[in-house]
Amino acid sequence: MDLTLDQTVVFVILSATLVLFVWGRWRYDLVAVAALLLVFVAGLVPAKRVFLGFGHPAVITVAAVLVISRGLLNAGVVDTMSRLLTQVGSRPIVQVATLTGIVVLLSGFMNNVGALALLMPVAIWMSRQSGRSPSLLLMPLAFGSLIGGLLTLIGTPPNIIIALYRAETGVPAFGMFDFTPVGVGVAVVGLLFISLLGWRLTPVGRGKAHRRSCLRLMTTSVS
């Protein structure tokens, strides 16, 4: 089937957006907003619907959770957790298992993005204390937040979106723990893999560029 002009424009904008995401030169949020504005300028989305997605309950939920996470950070919760986690020792397998286990649990009840934002400074601090690359803890932490988000309805935005869409079809929406039976199984298997083998596959950066990137990351997390 031949592509229409509108379909071609959408395809070009999406392709360019993905390329810019992979390139990483510009901030992801700026790229996403620019793509949205291009779709509007091209006449593919009416003016009344351009920013309609920002009012979606899933977006508001994620924003609220991030505010709560920042409040916990400012309240000293991260510092307390850092002091407690110093007791787990310096062995990488123990640090990975502990941090990943905590983020899996938190991600089920406070949104995985918020849980990741809360524990990133802790992971970087532990890496500095152990003299290892932050990537050895940050990569497992990222995957742990993803699998932990499968535990409950509020664990990740797609769960909320699916539940709301199901309700719109006339069927009762998913409950808080309807995702839990499958989510627990995936979380346990994922946690075991990450703790025993996955962290060993994490690429460790070398050289000045890597040290500069880690320094920027640490500075951002502290601020």
C-alpha atoms as a PDB file:
ATOM      1  CA  MET A   1       0.000   0.000   0.000  1.00  0.00           C
ATOM      2  CA  ASP A   2       1.362   3.404  -0.962  1.00  0.00           C
ATOM      3  CA  LEU A   3       2.152   5.822   1.823  1.00  0.00           C
ATOM      4  CA  THR A   4       0.188   9.052   1.948  1.00  0.00           C
ATOM      5  CA  LEU A   5       1.900  12.383   2.478  1.00  0.00           C
ATOM      6  CA  ASP A   6       0.830  12.514   6.148  1.00  0.00           C
ATOM      7  CA  GLN A   7       2.141   9.004   6.792  1.00  0.00           C
ATOM      8  CA  THR A   8       5.434   9.885   5.164  1.00  0.00           C
ATOM      9  CA  VAL A   9       5.805  13.005   7.316  1.00  0.00           C
ATOM     10  CA  VAL A  10       5.047  11.037  10.485  1.00  0.00           C
ATOM     11  CA  PHE A  11       7.544   8.357   9.496  1.00  0.00           C
ATOM     12  CA  VAL A  12      10.264  10.948   8.820  1.00  0.00           C
ATOM     13  CA  ILE A  13       9.659  12.738  12.142  1.00  0.00           C
ATOM     14  CA  LEU A  14       9.668   9.488  14.122  1.00  0.00           C
ATOM     15  CA  SER A  15      12.820   8.297  12.373  1.00  0.00           C
ATOM     16  CA  ALA A  16      14.612  11.577  13.032  1.00  0.00           C
ATOM     17  CA  THR A  17      13.495  11.507  16.672  1.00  0.00           C
ATOM     18  CA  LEU A  18      14.844   7.982  17.171  1.00  0.00           C
ATOM     19  CA  VAL A  19      18.146   8.935  15.536  1.00  0.00           C
ATOM     20  CA  LEU A  20      18.506  11.919  17.881  1.00  0.00           C
ATOM     21  CA  PHE A  21      17.645   9.723  20.876  1.00  0.00           C
ATOM     22  CA  VAL A  22      20.388   7.272  19.919  1.00  0.00           C
ATOM     23  CA  TRP A  23      22.848  10.068  19.149  1.00  0.00           C
ATOM     24  CA  GLY A  24      22.356  11.541  22.603  1.00  0.00           C
ATOM     25  CA  ARG A  25      23.801  14.943  21.713  1.00  0.00           C
ATOM     26  CA  TRP A  26      20.667  16.825  22.763  1.00  0.00           C
ATOM     27  CA  ARG A  27      18.469  16.291  25.788  1.00  0.00           C
ATOM     28  CA  TYR A  28      15.741  13.708  25.317  1.00  0.00           C
ATOM     29  CA  ASP A  29      12.959  15.946  26.593  1.00  0.00           C
ATOM     30  CA  LEU A  30      13.896  18.718  24.153  1.00  0.00           C
ATOM     31  CA  VAL A  31      13.969  16.248  21.276  1.00  0.00           C
ATOM     32  CA  ALA A  32      10.549  14.867  22.238  1.00  0.00           C
ATOM     33  CA  VAL A  33       8.973  18.340  22.515  1.00  0.00           C
ATOM     34  CA  ALA A  34      10.536  19.352  19.196  1.00  0.00           C
ATOM     35  CA  ALA A  35       9.020  16.273  17.538  1.00  0.00           C
ATOM     36  CA  LEU A  36       5.633  17.146  19.027  1.00  0.00           C
ATOM     37  CA  LEU A  37       5.850  20.696  17.713  1.00  0.00           C
ATOM     38  CA  LEU A  38       6.874  19.454  14.265  1.00  0.00           C
ATOM     39  CA  VAL A  39       3.825  17.218  14.126  1.00  0.00           C
ATOM     40  CA  PHE A  40       1.686  20.240  14.984  1.00  0.00           C
ATOM     41  CA  VAL A  41       3.373  22.503  12.443  1.00  0.00           C
ATOM     42  CA  ALA A  42       2.874  19.837   9.778  1.00  0.00           C
ATOM     43  CA  GLY A  43      -0.854  19.953  10.502  1.00  0.00           C
ATOM     44  CA  LEU A  44      -1.071  16.334  11.642  1.00  0.00           C
ATOM     45  CA  VAL A  45      -2.386  17.183  15.122  1.00  0.00           C
ATOM     46  CA  PRO A  46      -4.905  19.970  15.827  1.00  0.00           C
ATOM     47  CA  ALA A  47      -3.919  22.718  18.231  1.00  0.00           C
ATOM     48  CA  LYS A  48      -6.404  21.578  20.874  1.00  0.00           C
ATOM     49  CA  ARG A  49      -4.820  18.130  21.072  1.00  0.00           C
ATOM     50  CA  VAL A  50      -1.106  18.968  20.929  1.00  0.00           C
ATOM     51  CA  PHE A  51      -0.518  18.965  24.684  1.00  0.00           C
ATOM     52  CA  LEU A  52      -3.449  16.737  25.593  1.00  0.00           C
ATOM     53  CA  GLY A  53      -1.116  13.913  26.592  1.00  0.00           C
ATOM     54  CA  PHE A  54       0.345  15.949  29.456  1.00  0.00           C
ATOM     55  CA  GLY A  55      -3.013  15.694  31.211  1.00  0.00           C
ATOM     56  CA  HIS A  56      -3.072  11.888  31.101  1.00  0.00           C
ATOM     57  CA  PRO A  57      -3.328  10.310  34.578  1.00  0.00           C
ATOM     58  CA  ALA A  58      -0.186   8.254  33.929  1.00  0.00           C
ATOM     59  CA  VAL A  59       1.885  11.373  33.256  1.00  0.00           C
ATOM     60  CA  ILE A  60       0.520  13.122  36.346  1.00  0.00           C
ATOM     61  CA  THR A  61       1.202  10.024  38.452  1.00  0.00           C
ATOM     62  CA  VAL A  62       4.820   9.837  37.297  1.00  0.00           C
ATOM     63  CA  ALA A  63       5.327  13.558  37.950  1.00  0.00           C
ATOM     64  CA  ALA A  64       3.837  13.237  41.437  1.00  0.00           C
ATOM     65  CA  VAL A  65       6.039  10.251  42.239  1.00  0.00           C
ATOM     66  CA  LEU A  66       9.160  12.113  41.118  1.00  0.00           C
ATOM     67  CA  VAL A  67       8.221  15.011  43.404  1.00  0.00           C
ATOM     68  CA  ILE A  68       7.846  12.579  46.309  1.00  0.00           C
ATOM     69  CA  SER A  69      11.183  10.981  45.465  1.00  0.00           C
ATOM     70  CA  ARG A  70      12.891  14.361  45.469  1.00  0.00           C
ATOM     71  CA  GLY A  71      11.291  15.110  48.818  1.00  0.00           C
ATOM     72  CA  LEU A  72      12.683  11.874  50.245  1.00  0.00           C
ATOM     73  CA  LEU A  73      16.103  12.779  48.891  1.00  0.00           C
ATOM     74  CA  ASN A  74      15.999  16.235  50.465  1.00  0.00           C
ATOM     75  CA  ALA A  75      14.739  14.749  53.738  1.00  0.00           C
ATOM     76  CA  GLY A  76      17.912  12.696  54.109  1.00  0.00           C
ATOM     77  CA  VAL A  77      16.480   9.286  53.288  1.00  0.00           C
ATOM     78  CA  VAL A  78      19.266   8.651  50.776  1.00  0.00           C
ATOM     79  CA  ASP A  79      21.914   9.476  53.340  1.00  0.00           C
ATOM     80  CA  THR A  80      20.331   7.085  55.818  1.00  0.00           C
ATOM     81  CA  MET A  81      20.173   4.316  53.239  1.00  0.00           C
ATOM     82  CA  SER A  82      23.794   4.958  52.286  1.00  0.00           C
ATOM     83  CA  ARG A  83      24.929   4.526  55.863  1.00  0.00           C
ATOM     84  CA  LEU A  84      22.933   1.312  56.227  1.00  0.00           C
ATOM     85  CA  LEU A  85      24.230  -0.115  52.951  1.00  0.00           C
ATOM     86  CA  THR A  86      27.840   0.320  54.053  1.00  0.00           C
ATOM     87  CA  GLN A  87      27.274  -2.771  56.201  1.00  0.00           C
ATOM     88  CA  VAL A  88      26.822  -5.058  53.184  1.00  0.00           C
ATOM     89  CA  GLY A  89      30.570  -5.037  52.485  1.00  0.00           C
ATOM     90  CA  SER A  90      32.545  -4.258  49.358  1.00  0.00           C
ATOM     91  CA  ARG A  91      32.023  -7.476  47.368  1.00  0.00           C
ATOM     92  CA  PRO A  92      30.424  -6.507  44.033  1.00  0.00           C
ATOM     93  CA  ILE A  93      28.007  -9.457  43.949  1.00  0.00           C
ATOM     94  CA  VAL A  94      26.640  -8.523  47.387  1.00  0.00           C
ATOM     95  CA  GLN A  95      26.352  -4.835  46.504  1.00  0.00           C
ATOM     96  CA  VAL A  96      24.588  -5.608  43.232  1.00  0.00           C
ATOM     97  CA  ALA A  97      22.182  -8.064  44.858  1.00  0.00           C
ATOM     98  CA  THR A  98      21.360  -5.672  47.704  1.00  0.00           C
ATOM     99  CA  LEU A  99      20.817  -2.571  45.585  1.00  0.00           C
ATOM    100  CA  THR A 100      18.912  -4.429  42.874  1.00  0.00           C
ATOM    101  CA  GLY A 101      16.713  -6.173  45.432  1.00  0.00           C
ATOM    102  CA  ILE A 102      15.843  -2.879  47.093  1.00  0.00           C
ATOM    103  CA  VAL A 103      15.021  -1.145  43.811  1.00  0.00           C
ATOM    104  CA  VAL A 104      12.885  -4.110  42.699  1.00  0.00           C
ATOM    105  CA  LEU A 105      10.845  -3.854  45.895  1.00  0.00           C
ATOM    106  CA  LEU A 106      10.533  -0.062  45.800  1.00  0.00           C
ATOM    107  CA  SER A 107       9.640  -0.026  42.108  1.00  0.00           C
ATOM    108  CA  GLY A 108       6.511  -2.022  42.807  1.00  0.00           C
ATOM    109  CA  PHE A 109       5.079   0.618  45.135  1.00  0.00           C
ATOM    110  CA  MET A 110       6.475   4.002  44.141  1.00  0.00           C
ATOM    111  CA  ASN A 111       6.968   3.865  40.344  1.00  0.00           C
ATOM    112  CA  ASN A 112      10.181   2.509  38.881  1.00  0.00           C
ATOM    113  CA  VAL A 113      11.419   5.898  37.667  1.00  0.00           C
ATOM    114  CA  GLY A 114      11.131   7.366  41.138  1.00  0.00           C
ATOM    115  CA  ALA A 115      12.808   4.360  42.762  1.00  0.00           C
ATOM    116  CA  LEU A 116      15.691   4.593  40.307  1.00  0.00           C
ATOM    117  CA  ALA A 117      16.087   8.321  40.928  1.00  0.00           C
ATOM    118  CA  LEU A 118      16.118   7.685  44.667  1.00  0.00           C
ATOM    119  CA  LEU A 119      18.829   5.001  44.614  1.00  0.00           C
ATOM    120  CA  MET A 120      21.144   6.378  41.928  1.00  0.00           C
ATOM    121  CA  PRO A 121      23.057   8.617  44.362  1.00  0.00           C
ATOM    122  CA  VAL A 122      23.420   5.654  46.730  1.00  0.00           C
ATOM    123  CA  ALA A 123      24.835   3.452  43.960  1.00  0.00           C
ATOM    124  CA  ILE A 124      27.312   6.130  42.878  1.00  0.00           C
ATOM    125  CA  TRP A 125      28.402   6.703  46.472  1.00  0.00           C
ATOM    126  CA  MET A 126      28.979   2.975  47.006  1.00  0.00           C
ATOM    127  CA  SER A 127      30.974   2.790  43.771  1.00  0.00           C
ATOM    128  CA  ARG A 128      33.223   5.607  44.871  1.00  0.00           C
ATOM    129  CA  GLN A 129      33.803   3.974  48.243  1.00  0.00           C
ATOM    130  CA  SER A 130      34.687   0.655  46.585  1.00  0.00           C
ATOM    131  CA  GLY A 131      36.879   2.209  43.897  1.00  0.00           C
ATOM    132  CA  ARG A 132      34.884   0.641  41.068  1.00  0.00           C
ATOM    133  CA  SER A 133      33.204   2.004  37.973  1.00  0.00           C
ATOM    134  CA  PRO A 134      29.663   3.296  38.701  1.00  0.00           C
ATOM    135  CA  SER A 135      28.388   1.335  35.710  1.00  0.00           C
ATOM    136  CA  LEU A 136      28.773  -1.934  37.661  1.00  0.00           C
ATOM    137  CA  LEU A 137      25.960  -0.800  39.959  1.00  0.00           C
ATOM    138  CA  LEU A 138      24.014   1.624  37.792  1.00  0.00           C
ATOM    139  CA  MET A 139      23.263  -0.830  34.976  1.00  0.00           C
ATOM    140  CA  PRO A 140      21.875  -3.552  37.312  1.00  0.00           C
ATOM    141  CA  LEU A 141      19.961  -0.817  39.129  1.00  0.00           C
ATOM    142  CA  ALA A 142      18.308   0.275  35.890  1.00  0.00           C
ATOM    143  CA  PHE A 143      17.258  -3.262  34.963  1.00  0.00           C
ATOM    144  CA  GLY A 144      16.070  -3.910  38.516  1.00  0.00           C
ATOM    145  CA  SER A 145      13.788  -0.871  38.395  1.00  0.00           C
ATOM    146  CA  LEU A 146      12.267  -2.156  35.152  1.00  0.00           C
ATOM    147  CA  ILE A 147      11.448  -5.637  36.419  1.00  0.00           C
ATOM    148  CA  GLY A 148      10.275  -4.255  39.757  1.00  0.00           C
ATOM    149  CA  GLY A 149       7.778  -2.045  37.973  1.00  0.00           C
ATOM    150  CA  LEU A 150       5.910  -5.191  36.893  1.00  0.00           C
ATOM    151  CA  LEU A 151       4.872  -6.034  40.450  1.00  0.00           C
ATOM    152  CA  THR A 152       1.872  -3.726  40.873  1.00  0.00           C
ATOM    153  CA  LEU A 153      -0.476  -1.426  39.019  1.00  0.00           C
ATOM    154  CA  ILE A 154       1.456   1.726  39.958  1.00  0.00           C
ATOM    155  CA  GLY A 155       4.883   0.221  39.344  1.00  0.00           C
ATOM    156  CA  THR A 156       5.234   1.564  35.810  1.00  0.00           C
ATOM    157  CA  PRO A 157       3.207   3.950  33.601  1.00  0.00           C
ATOM    158  CA  PRO A 158       2.268   1.304  30.971  1.00  0.00           C
ATOM    159  CA  ASN A 159       0.425  -0.667  33.655  1.00  0.00           C
ATOM    160  CA  ILE A 160      -1.662   2.390  34.491  1.00  0.00           C
ATOM    161  CA  ILE A 161      -2.330   3.113  30.813  1.00  0.00           C
ATOM    162  CA  ILE A 162      -3.467  -0.465  30.169  1.00  0.00           C
ATOM    163  CA  ALA A 163      -5.716  -0.436  33.231  1.00  0.00           C
ATOM    164  CA  LEU A 164      -7.383   2.818  32.147  1.00  0.00           C
ATOM    165  CA  TYR A 165      -7.832   1.565  28.591  1.00  0.00           C
ATOM    166  CA  ARG A 166      -9.417  -1.641  29.882  1.00  0.00           C
ATOM    167  CA  ALA A 167     -11.889   0.404  31.900  1.00  0.00           C
ATOM    168  CA  GLU A 168     -12.828   2.388  28.785  1.00  0.00           C
ATOM    169  CA  THR A 169     -13.870  -0.836  27.035  1.00  0.00           C
ATOM    170  CA  GLY A 170     -16.533  -1.459  29.662  1.00  0.00           C
ATOM    171  CA  VAL A 171     -14.556  -4.093  31.584  1.00  0.00           C
ATOM    172  CA  PRO A 172     -13.461  -3.447  35.190  1.00  0.00           C
ATOM    173  CA  ALA A 173      -9.960  -1.974  35.354  1.00  0.00           C
ATOM    174  CA  PHE A 174      -7.038  -3.995  36.632  1.00  0.00           C
ATOM    175  CA  GLY A 175      -6.593  -3.932  40.390  1.00  0.00           C
ATOM    176  CA  MET A 176      -3.522  -2.990  42.361  1.00  0.00           C
ATOM    177  CA  PHE A 177      -2.131  -6.518  42.565  1.00  0.00           C
ATOM    178  CA  ASP A 178      -3.507  -8.103  39.384  1.00  0.00           C
ATOM    179  CA  PHE A 179      -0.024  -7.854  37.866  1.00  0.00           C
ATOM    180  CA  THR A 180       1.675  -9.394  40.903  1.00  0.00           C
ATOM    181  CA  PRO A 181       1.544 -13.158  40.108  1.00  0.00           C
ATOM    182  CA  VAL A 182       3.422 -12.723  36.840  1.00  0.00           C
ATOM    183  CA  GLY A 183       5.480  -9.809  38.104  1.00  0.00           C
ATOM    184  CA  VAL A 184       6.864 -11.706  41.097  1.00  0.00           C
ATOM    185  CA  GLY A 185       8.038 -14.588  38.922  1.00  0.00           C
ATOM    186  CA  VAL A 186       9.750 -12.264  36.466  1.00  0.00           C
ATOM    187  CA  ALA A 187      11.290 -10.231  39.298  1.00  0.00           C
ATOM    188  CA  VAL A 188      12.741 -13.275  41.078  1.00  0.00           C
ATOM    189  CA  VAL A 189      14.277 -14.723  37.910  1.00  0.00           C
ATOM    190  CA  GLY A 190      15.579 -11.318  36.834  1.00  0.00           C
ATOM    191  CA  LEU A 191      17.057 -10.572  40.249  1.00  0.00           C
ATOM    192  CA  LEU A 192      18.876 -13.903  40.346  1.00  0.00           C
ATOM    193  CA  PHE A 193      20.280 -13.412  36.854  1.00  0.00           C
ATOM    194  CA  ILE A 194      21.413  -9.828  37.496  1.00  0.00           C
ATOM    195  CA  SER A 195      22.994 -10.686  40.858  1.00  0.00           C
ATOM    196  CA  LEU A 196      24.822 -13.842  39.760  1.00  0.00           C
ATOM    197  CA  LEU A 197      25.713 -13.218  36.131  1.00  0.00           C
ATOM    198  CA  GLY A 198      24.264 -10.063  34.632  1.00  0.00           C
ATOM    199  CA  TRP A 199      26.505  -7.564  36.417  1.00  0.00           C
ATOM    200  CA  ARG A 200      29.584  -9.389  35.081  1.00  0.00           C
ATOM    201  CA  LEU A 201      28.470  -8.528  31.535  1.00  0.00           C
ATOM    202  CA  THR A 202      28.308  -4.806  32.274  1.00  0.00           C
ATOM    203  CA  PRO A 203      30.801  -2.847  30.141  1.00  0.00           C
ATOM    204  CA  VAL A 204      33.244  -0.887  32.267  1.00  0.00           C
ATOM    205  CA  GLY A 205      34.368   2.400  30.739  1.00  0.00           C
ATOM    206  CA  ARG A 206      37.998   3.347  30.529  1.00  0.00           C
ATOM    207  CA  GLY A 207      39.946   6.518  30.036  1.00  0.00           C
ATOM    208  CA  LYS A 208      39.410  10.195  30.690  1.00  0.00           C
ATOM    209  CA  ALA A 209      36.083  10.418  28.846  1.00  0.00           C
ATOM    210  CA  HIS A 210      34.567   7.809  31.119  1.00  0.00           C
ATOM    211  CA  ARG A 211      35.888   9.503  34.246  1.00  0.00           C
ATOM    212  CA  ARG A 212      34.479  12.841  33.096  1.00  0.00           C
ATOM    213  CA  SER A 213      31.060  11.307  32.409  1.00  0.00           C
ATOM    214  CA  CYS A 214      31.022   9.643  35.831  1.00  0.00           C
ATOM    215  CA  LEU A 215      31.995  12.925  37.468  1.00  0.00           C
ATOM    216  CA  ARG A 216      29.126  14.723  35.711  1.00  0.00           C
ATOM    217  CA  LEU A 217      26.739  11.975  36.791  1.00  0.00           C
ATOM    218  CA  MET A 218      27.885  12.169  40.409  1.00  0.00           C
ATOM    219  CA  THR A 219      27.615  15.952  40.404  1.00  0.00           C
ATOM    220  CA  THR A 220      24.090  15.810  38.980  1.00  0.00           C
ATOM    221  CA  SER A 221      22.962  13.203  41.493  1.00  0.00           C
ATOM    222  CA  VAL A 222      24.299  15.171  44.435  1.00  0.00           C
ATOM    223  CA  SER A 223      22.715  18.426  43.273  1.00  0.00           C
END
